[in-house]
């Protein structure tokens, strides 16, 4: 059997490696963020030391987005990473 993905509009942001504050504003902080980091600068240093990976807590566990990957907000408000080639194949930009 074949299935087609239902059409719906998603919110997404591309992690460039240089827009950490914008991506963090998009995803929100992990519930333990304030316990792990004393400031945004400390978090930024941690991300750089970790190879520039932006980590996202999901129902499946922690997922990693390297620079260039997209971060998608799903229909239930969850966030997950998406490879650029998959994103471009699956989504197109909408106005508004």
C-alpha atoms as a PDB file:
ATOM      1  CA  UNK A   1       0.000   0.000   0.000  1.00  0.00           C
ATOM      2  CA  UNK A   2       1.077   3.561  -0.593  1.00  0.00           C
ATOM      3  CA  UNK A   3       0.408   6.599   1.574  1.00  0.00           C
ATOM      4  CA  UNK A   4       0.681  10.323   0.998  1.00  0.00           C
ATOM      5  CA  UNK A   5       1.718  12.755   3.712  1.00  0.00           C
ATOM      6  CA  UNK A   6      -1.192  14.977   4.667  1.00  0.00           C
ATOM      7  CA  UNK A   7      -0.584  18.562   3.640  1.00  0.00           C
ATOM      8  CA  UNK A   8       0.012  20.870   6.564  1.00  0.00           C
ATOM      9  CA  UNK A   9       2.126  23.928   7.236  1.00  0.00           C
ATOM     10  CA  UNK A  10       5.064  23.602   9.641  1.00  0.00           C
ATOM     11  CA  UNK A  11       7.357  26.100  11.311  1.00  0.00           C
ATOM     12  CA  UNK A  12      11.063  25.506  10.785  1.00  0.00           C
ATOM     13  CA  UNK A  13      14.410  27.209  11.187  1.00  0.00           C
ATOM     14  CA  UNK A  14      17.763  26.297   9.708  1.00  0.00           C
ATOM     15  CA  UNK A  15      20.635  25.856  12.178  1.00  0.00           C
ATOM     16  CA  UNK A  16      23.542  27.603  10.462  1.00  0.00           C
ATOM     17  CA  UNK A  17      26.033  27.274  13.295  1.00  0.00           C
ATOM     18  CA  UNK A  18      25.885  31.051  13.747  1.00  0.00           C
ATOM     19  CA  UNK A  19      22.287  31.611  14.864  1.00  0.00           C
ATOM     20  CA  UNK A  20      22.244  29.833  18.213  1.00  0.00           C
ATOM     21  CA  UNK A  21      20.151  32.414  20.049  1.00  0.00           C
ATOM     22  CA  UNK A  22      17.527  32.416  17.282  1.00  0.00           C
ATOM     23  CA  UNK A  23      17.342  28.605  17.234  1.00  0.00           C
ATOM     24  CA  UNK A  24      17.145  28.447  21.026  1.00  0.00           C
ATOM     25  CA  UNK A  25      14.318  30.999  20.958  1.00  0.00           C
ATOM     26  CA  UNK A  26      12.541  28.812  18.374  1.00  0.00           C
ATOM     27  CA  UNK A  27      12.872  25.544  20.297  1.00  0.00           C
ATOM     28  CA  UNK A  28      12.828  26.857  23.835  1.00  0.00           C
ATOM     29  CA  UNK A  29      15.259  25.777  26.535  1.00  0.00           C
ATOM     30  CA  UNK A  30      15.515  22.272  27.918  1.00  0.00           C
ATOM     31  CA  UNK A  31      13.864  22.120  31.370  1.00  0.00           C
ATOM     32  CA  UNK A  32      17.323  21.592  32.956  1.00  0.00           C
ATOM     33  CA  UNK A  33      19.051  24.343  30.924  1.00  0.00           C
ATOM     34  CA  UNK A  34      19.393  26.776  33.843  1.00  0.00           C
ATOM     35  CA  UNK A  35      20.922  24.046  35.989  1.00  0.00           C
ATOM     36  CA  UNK A  36      23.479  23.109  33.305  1.00  0.00           C
ATOM     37  CA  UNK A  37      24.490  26.575  32.083  1.00  0.00           C
ATOM     38  CA  UNK A  38      25.156  29.811  33.925  1.00  0.00           C
ATOM     39  CA  UNK A  39      24.630  32.006  30.855  1.00  0.00           C
ATOM     40  CA  UNK A  40      23.920  31.979  27.150  1.00  0.00           C
ATOM     41  CA  UNK A  41      27.647  32.471  26.559  1.00  0.00           C
ATOM     42  CA  UNK A  42      28.419  29.301  28.553  1.00  0.00           C
ATOM     43  CA  UNK A  43      25.884  27.409  26.443  1.00  0.00           C
ATOM     44  CA  UNK A  44      27.343  28.845  23.237  1.00  0.00           C
ATOM     45  CA  UNK A  45      30.823  27.716  24.307  1.00  0.00           C
ATOM     46  CA  UNK A  46      29.451  24.222  25.043  1.00  0.00           C
ATOM     47  CA  UNK A  47      27.822  23.948  21.589  1.00  0.00           C
ATOM     48  CA  UNK A  48      31.031  25.046  19.858  1.00  0.00           C
ATOM     49  CA  UNK A  49      33.112  22.565  21.879  1.00  0.00           C
ATOM     50  CA  UNK A  50      30.623  19.839  20.913  1.00  0.00           C
ATOM     51  CA  UNK A  51      31.289  20.263  17.193  1.00  0.00           C
ATOM     52  CA  UNK A  52      28.526  22.798  16.631  1.00  0.00           C
ATOM     53  CA  UNK A  53      25.784  20.239  17.226  1.00  0.00           C
ATOM     54  CA  UNK A  54      22.442  21.631  18.357  1.00  0.00           C
ATOM     55  CA  UNK A  55      20.790  19.010  20.571  1.00  0.00           C
ATOM     56  CA  UNK A  56      17.041  18.549  20.763  1.00  0.00           C
ATOM     57  CA  UNK A  57      15.218  16.536  23.393  1.00  0.00           C
ATOM     58  CA  UNK A  58      12.547  14.410  21.696  1.00  0.00           C
ATOM     59  CA  UNK A  59      10.278  11.535  22.714  1.00  0.00           C
ATOM     60  CA  UNK A  60      12.835   9.253  21.052  1.00  0.00           C
ATOM     61  CA  UNK A  61      15.708  10.718  23.052  1.00  0.00           C
ATOM     62  CA  UNK A  62      18.273  13.398  22.318  1.00  0.00           C
ATOM     63  CA  UNK A  63      18.671  14.131  18.601  1.00  0.00           C
ATOM     64  CA  UNK A  64      21.487  16.144  17.081  1.00  0.00           C
ATOM     65  CA  UNK A  65      21.400  18.754  14.345  1.00  0.00           C
ATOM     66  CA  UNK A  66      24.707  19.693  12.742  1.00  0.00           C
ATOM     67  CA  UNK A  67      25.019  23.100  11.077  1.00  0.00           C
ATOM     68  CA  UNK A  68      22.983  23.223   7.883  1.00  0.00           C
ATOM     69  CA  UNK A  69      20.208  21.008   9.216  1.00  0.00           C
ATOM     70  CA  UNK A  70      16.672  22.247   9.771  1.00  0.00           C
ATOM     71  CA  UNK A  71      14.802  22.206  13.073  1.00  0.00           C
ATOM     72  CA  UNK A  72      11.106  21.522  12.563  1.00  0.00           C
ATOM     73  CA  UNK A  73       8.255  22.201  14.944  1.00  0.00           C
ATOM     74  CA  UNK A  74       5.778  19.369  14.450  1.00  0.00           C
ATOM     75  CA  UNK A  75       2.017  19.503  14.558  1.00  0.00           C
ATOM     76  CA  UNK A  76       2.021  18.578  18.258  1.00  0.00           C
ATOM     77  CA  UNK A  77       4.562  21.309  19.162  1.00  0.00           C
ATOM     78  CA  UNK A  78       7.497  18.897  19.270  1.00  0.00           C
ATOM     79  CA  UNK A  79      10.858  19.714  17.676  1.00  0.00           C
ATOM     80  CA  UNK A  80      13.100  17.471  15.633  1.00  0.00           C
ATOM     81  CA  UNK A  81      16.041  17.840  13.231  1.00  0.00           C
ATOM     82  CA  UNK A  82      15.797  17.256   9.499  1.00  0.00           C
ATOM     83  CA  UNK A  83      18.636  16.832   6.999  1.00  0.00           C
ATOM     84  CA  UNK A  84      18.754  19.561   4.338  1.00  0.00           C
ATOM     85  CA  UNK A  85      18.143  17.198   1.406  1.00  0.00           C
ATOM     86  CA  UNK A  86      15.134  15.593   3.111  1.00  0.00           C
ATOM     87  CA  UNK A  87      13.773  19.028   4.059  1.00  0.00           C
ATOM     88  CA  UNK A  88      14.054  20.340   0.502  1.00  0.00           C
ATOM     89  CA  UNK A  89      12.403  17.209  -0.901  1.00  0.00           C
ATOM     90  CA  UNK A  90       9.551  17.242   1.623  1.00  0.00           C
ATOM     91  CA  UNK A  91       8.745  20.926   2.196  1.00  0.00           C
ATOM     92  CA  UNK A  92       8.281  24.070   0.159  1.00  0.00           C
ATOM     93  CA  UNK A  93       8.155  27.632   1.436  1.00  0.00           C
ATOM     94  CA  UNK A  94       4.720  29.200   1.847  1.00  0.00           C
ATOM     95  CA  UNK A  95       3.817  32.861   2.015  1.00  0.00           C
ATOM     96  CA  UNK A  96       2.650  34.299   5.290  1.00  0.00           C
END
